[in-house]
C-alpha atoms as a PDB file:
ATOM      1  CA  UNK A   1     -43.170-184.856 171.709  1.00  0.00           C
ATOM      2  CA  UNK A   2     -44.026-184.409 175.390  1.00  0.00           C
ATOM      3  CA  UNK A   3     -41.612-185.973 177.881  1.00  0.00           C
ATOM      4  CA  UNK A   4     -44.233-188.384 179.244  1.00  0.00           C
ATOM      5  CA  UNK A   5     -45.107-189.524 175.712  1.00  0.00           C
ATOM      6  CA  UNK A   6     -41.438-190.162 174.985  1.00  0.00           C
ATOM      7  CA  UNK A   7     -41.090-192.183 178.192  1.00  0.00           C
ATOM      8  CA  UNK A   8     -44.233-194.142 177.414  1.00  0.00           C
ATOM      9  CA  UNK A   9     -43.040-194.870 173.879  1.00  0.00           C
ATOM     10  CA  UNK A  10     -39.630-195.917 175.195  1.00  0.00           C
ATOM     11  CA  UNK A  11     -41.181-198.237 177.792  1.00  0.00           C
ATOM     12  CA  UNK A  12     -43.417-200.020 175.299  1.00  0.00           C
ATOM     13  CA  UNK A  13     -41.028-200.153 172.332  1.00  0.00           C
ATOM     14  CA  UNK A  14     -39.535-203.494 173.342  1.00  0.00           C
ATOM     15  CA  UNK A  15     -36.227-202.503 171.775  1.00  0.00           C
ATOM     16  CA  UNK A  16     -33.213-203.880 173.619  1.00  0.00           C
ATOM     17  CA  UNK A  17     -31.069-201.101 175.041  1.00  0.00           C
ATOM     18  CA  UNK A  18     -27.821-201.007 176.896  1.00  0.00           C
ATOM     19  CA  UNK A  19     -27.103-198.872 179.890  1.00  0.00           C
ATOM     20  CA  UNK A  20     -23.784-197.983 181.462  1.00  0.00           C
ATOM     21  CA  UNK A  21     -23.586-199.545 184.898  1.00  0.00           C
ATOM     22  CA  UNK A  22     -21.101-196.870 185.909  1.00  0.00           C
ATOM     23  CA  UNK A  23     -23.472-194.091 184.792  1.00  0.00           C
ATOM     24  CA  UNK A  24     -26.414-195.730 186.548  1.00  0.00           C
ATOM     25  CA  UNK A  25     -24.483-196.142 189.813  1.00  0.00           C
ATOM     26  CA  UNK A  26     -23.025-192.642 189.550  1.00  0.00           C
ATOM     27  CA  UNK A  27     -26.471-191.074 189.423  1.00  0.00           C
ATOM     28  CA  UNK A  28     -28.281-193.443 191.775  1.00  0.00           C
ATOM     29  CA  UNK A  29     -25.707-194.055 194.481  1.00  0.00           C
ATOM     30  CA  UNK A  30     -23.680-190.838 194.512  1.00  0.00           C
ATOM     31  CA  UNK A  31     -25.434-187.894 192.856  1.00  0.00           C
ATOM     32  CA  UNK A  32     -28.980-188.396 194.180  1.00  0.00           C
ATOM     33  CA  UNK A  33     -27.913-188.843 197.837  1.00  0.00           C
ATOM     34  CA  UNK A  34     -25.608-185.814 197.510  1.00  0.00           C
ATOM     35  CA  UNK A  35     -28.477-183.674 196.237  1.00  0.00           C
ATOM     36  CA  UNK A  36     -31.174-184.962 198.580  1.00  0.00           C
ATOM     37  CA  UNK A  37     -29.018-185.342 201.679  1.00  0.00           C
ATOM     38  CA  UNK A  38     -30.652-186.695 204.818  1.00  0.00           C
ATOM     39  CA  UNK A  39     -34.067-186.735 203.109  1.00  0.00           C
ATOM     40  CA  UNK A  40     -32.986-189.194 200.396  1.00  0.00           C
ATOM     41  CA  UNK A  41     -34.825-192.134 201.950  1.00  0.00           C
ATOM     42  CA  UNK A  42     -38.212-190.389 202.146  1.00  0.00           C
ATOM     43  CA  UNK A  43     -37.958-188.542 198.828  1.00  0.00           C
ATOM     44  CA  UNK A  44     -37.042-191.697 196.894  1.00  0.00           C
ATOM     45  CA  UNK A  45     -40.076-193.484 198.372  1.00  0.00           C
ATOM     46  CA  UNK A  46     -42.345-190.594 197.324  1.00  0.00           C
ATOM     47  CA  UNK A  47     -40.690-190.503 193.882  1.00  0.00           C
ATOM     48  CA  UNK A  48     -41.377-194.222 193.448  1.00  0.00           C
ATOM     49  CA  UNK A  49     -45.046-193.686 194.262  1.00  0.00           C
ATOM     50  CA  UNK A  50     -45.154-190.773 191.821  1.00  0.00           C
ATOM     51  CA  UNK A  51     -43.604-192.909 189.060  1.00  0.00           C
ATOM     52  CA  UNK A  52     -46.214-195.600 189.683  1.00  0.00           C
ATOM     53  CA  UNK A  53     -48.988-193.045 189.160  1.00  0.00           C
ATOM     54  CA  UNK A  54     -47.425-192.057 185.829  1.00  0.00           C
ATOM     55  CA  UNK A  55     -47.059-195.695 184.751  1.00  0.00           C
ATOM     56  CA  UNK A  56     -50.163-197.482 186.075  1.00  0.00           C
ATOM     57  CA  UNK A  57     -49.891-201.237 185.582  1.00  0.00           C
ATOM     58  CA  UNK A  58     -52.886-203.540 185.607  1.00  0.00           C
ATOM     59  CA  UNK A  59     -51.375-206.804 186.860  1.00  0.00           C
ATOM     60  CA  UNK A  60     -48.349-208.524 188.350  1.00  0.00           C
ATOM     61  CA  UNK A  61     -47.020-209.548 184.940  1.00  0.00           C
ATOM     62  CA  UNK A  62     -46.793-205.903 183.854  1.00  0.00           C
ATOM     63  CA  UNK A  63     -45.171-205.035 187.190  1.00  0.00           C
ATOM     64  CA  UNK A  64     -42.490-207.692 186.697  1.00  0.00           C
ATOM     65  CA  UNK A  65     -41.945-206.516 183.116  1.00  0.00           C
ATOM     66  CA  UNK A  66     -41.615-202.873 184.221  1.00  0.00           C
ATOM     67  CA  UNK A  67     -38.914-203.752 186.764  1.00  0.00           C
ATOM     68  CA  UNK A  68     -36.950-205.572 184.070  1.00  0.00           C
ATOM     69  CA  UNK A  69     -37.281-202.723 181.553  1.00  0.00           C
ATOM     70  CA  UNK A  70     -36.326-200.128 184.175  1.00  0.00           C
ATOM     71  CA  UNK A  71     -33.181-202.204 184.889  1.00  0.00           C
ATOM     72  CA  UNK A  72     -34.255-202.480 188.524  1.00  0.00           C
ATOM     73  CA  UNK A  73     -33.879-206.255 188.383  1.00  0.00           C
ATOM     74  CA  UNK A  74     -35.854-209.464 188.287  1.00  0.00           C
ATOM     75  CA  UNK A  75     -38.934-209.096 190.480  1.00  0.00           C
ATOM     76  CA  UNK A  76     -40.375-212.301 191.910  1.00  0.00           C
ATOM     77  CA  UNK A  77     -43.577-212.679 193.907  1.00  0.00           C
ATOM     78  CA  UNK A  78     -42.799-214.942 196.847  1.00  0.00           C
ATOM     79  CA  UNK A  79     -45.976-214.937 198.918  1.00  0.00           C
ATOM     80  CA  UNK A  80     -49.420-213.370 198.893  1.00  0.00           C
ATOM     81  CA  UNK A  81     -51.976-213.257 201.681  1.00  0.00           C
ATOM     82  CA  UNK A  82     -55.191-211.330 202.231  1.00  0.00           C
ATOM     83  CA  UNK A  83     -53.462-208.022 203.013  1.00  0.00           C
ATOM     84  CA  UNK A  84     -49.772-208.585 202.298  1.00  0.00           C
ATOM     85  CA  UNK A  85     -47.463-209.362 199.405  1.00  0.00           C
ATOM     86  CA  UNK A  86     -43.827-210.407 199.572  1.00  0.00           C
ATOM     87  CA  UNK A  87     -41.499-209.708 196.648  1.00  0.00           C
ATOM     88  CA  UNK A  88     -37.878-210.498 195.960  1.00  0.00           C
ATOM     89  CA  UNK A  89     -35.629-208.429 193.712  1.00  0.00           C
ATOM     90  CA  UNK A  90     -32.470-209.877 192.171  1.00  0.00           C
ATOM     91  CA  UNK A  91     -29.999-208.086 189.897  1.00  0.00           C
ATOM     92  CA  UNK A  92     -26.257-207.858 189.327  1.00  0.00           C
ATOM     93  CA  UNK A  93     -26.713-204.086 189.731  1.00  0.00           C
ATOM     94  CA  UNK A  94     -28.004-204.381 193.290  1.00  0.00           C
ATOM     95  CA  UNK A  95     -25.473-206.928 194.558  1.00  0.00           C
ATOM     96  CA  UNK A  96     -22.765-204.303 195.271  1.00  0.00           C
ATOM     97  CA  UNK A  97     -25.334-202.030 196.945  1.00  0.00           C
ATOM     98  CA  UNK A  98     -26.569-204.822 199.217  1.00  0.00           C
ATOM     99  CA  UNK A  99     -23.014-205.785 200.206  1.00  0.00           C
ATOM    100  CA  UNK A 100     -21.875-202.231 200.929  1.00  0.00           C
ATOM    101  CA  UNK A 101     -21.924-200.761 204.400  1.00  0.00           C
ATOM    102  CA  UNK A 102     -23.543-197.599 203.064  1.00  0.00           C
ATOM    103  CA  UNK A 103     -27.258-196.871 203.050  1.00  0.00           C
ATOM    104  CA  UNK A 104     -28.985-199.152 200.585  1.00  0.00           C
ATOM    105  CA  UNK A 105     -31.787-196.934 199.313  1.00  0.00           C
ATOM    106  CA  UNK A 106     -34.206-199.312 197.641  1.00  0.00           C
ATOM    107  CA  UNK A 107     -36.933-196.838 198.495  1.00  0.00           C
ATOM    108  CA  UNK A 108     -37.614-195.897 194.875  1.00  0.00           C
ATOM    109  CA  UNK A 109     -38.600-199.498 194.194  1.00  0.00           C
ATOM    110  CA  UNK A 110     -40.480-199.776 197.501  1.00  0.00           C
ATOM    111  CA  UNK A 111     -42.578-196.680 196.796  1.00  0.00           C
ATOM    112  CA  UNK A 112     -43.268-197.881 193.272  1.00  0.00           C
ATOM    113  CA  UNK A 113     -44.451-201.269 194.565  1.00  0.00           C
ATOM    114  CA  UNK A 114     -46.624-199.700 197.271  1.00  0.00           C
ATOM    115  CA  UNK A 115     -48.421-197.432 194.820  1.00  0.00           C
ATOM    116  CA  UNK A 116     -48.861-200.111 192.152  1.00  0.00           C
ATOM    117  CA  UNK A 117     -50.382-202.538 194.661  1.00  0.00           C
ATOM    118  CA  UNK A 118     -52.583-199.775 196.088  1.00  0.00           C
ATOM    119  CA  UNK A 119     -53.909-199.092 192.573  1.00  0.00           C
ATOM    120  CA  UNK A 120     -54.236-202.751 191.555  1.00  0.00           C
ATOM    121  CA  UNK A 121     -55.944-203.844 194.794  1.00  0.00           C
ATOM    122  CA  UNK A 122     -57.993-200.617 194.902  1.00  0.00           C
ATOM    123  CA  UNK A 123     -57.210-200.016 198.570  1.00  0.00           C
ATOM    124  CA  UNK A 124     -56.926-196.654 200.287  1.00  0.00           C
ATOM    125  CA  UNK A 125     -53.295-197.072 201.338  1.00  0.00           C
ATOM    126  CA  UNK A 126     -50.467-199.550 200.877  1.00  0.00           C
ATOM    127  CA  UNK A 127     -46.962-199.368 202.305  1.00  0.00           C
ATOM    128  CA  UNK A 128     -43.820-201.203 201.276  1.00  0.00           C
ATOM    129  CA  UNK A 129     -40.793-202.066 203.373  1.00  0.00           C
ATOM    130  CA  UNK A 130     -37.363-203.070 202.068  1.00  0.00           C
ATOM    131  CA  UNK A 131     -35.253-205.864 203.513  1.00  0.00           C
ATOM    132  CA  UNK A 132     -31.778-206.157 201.898  1.00  0.00           C
ATOM    133  CA  UNK A 133     -30.346-209.680 202.266  1.00  0.00           C
ATOM    134  CA  UNK A 134     -26.542-209.476 202.166  1.00  0.00           C
ATOM    135  CA  UNK A 135     -25.840-213.218 202.070  1.00  0.00           C
ATOM    136  CA  UNK A 136     -27.845-213.760 198.896  1.00  0.00           C
ATOM    137  CA  UNK A 137     -27.401-210.349 197.195  1.00  0.00           C
ATOM    138  CA  UNK A 138     -31.075-209.592 196.891  1.00  0.00           C
ATOM    139  CA  UNK A 139     -33.705-207.316 198.339  1.00  0.00           C
ATOM    140  CA  UNK A 140     -37.012-208.476 199.751  1.00  0.00           C
ATOM    141  CA  UNK A 141     -40.015-206.167 199.894  1.00  0.00           C
ATOM    142  CA  UNK A 142     -43.121-206.537 202.009  1.00  0.00           C
ATOM    143  CA  UNK A 143     -46.188-204.605 200.842  1.00  0.00           C
ATOM    144  CA  UNK A 144     -49.031-204.282 203.357  1.00  0.00           C
ATOM    145  CA  UNK A 145     -52.492-202.758 203.067  1.00  0.00           C
ATOM    146  CA  UNK A 146     -55.756-202.699 205.009  1.00  0.00           C
END
């Protein structure tokens, strides 16, 4: 079975799975920044856009479901205007990252959102910006397009 087929099957299986928080944080917060160094921020954004191309979603409901299945957290749409969307992301996994003094790196999610909205809205370019909110342990994203 090809890797992409296995990922696709895993995503749509609906089977509950458990994931080690320690393993997740080890890879995401320590290993990836060590490997990517000063370019972590930009590469994670690009990687998020690339993931979105591999998993095209047709609507907001699928987008929210994907975030939950990827263990990225609960994605909430807060506001939508003609050329801007505001999202909020809440998860026990992101609370320690938001509170830390280290770099936050929610660029994987930001890139994923930008590309999904670009595809769904059928616009030539969309960009997403992260806004960690320490007091409420969440991350807000603003996606803009022309």
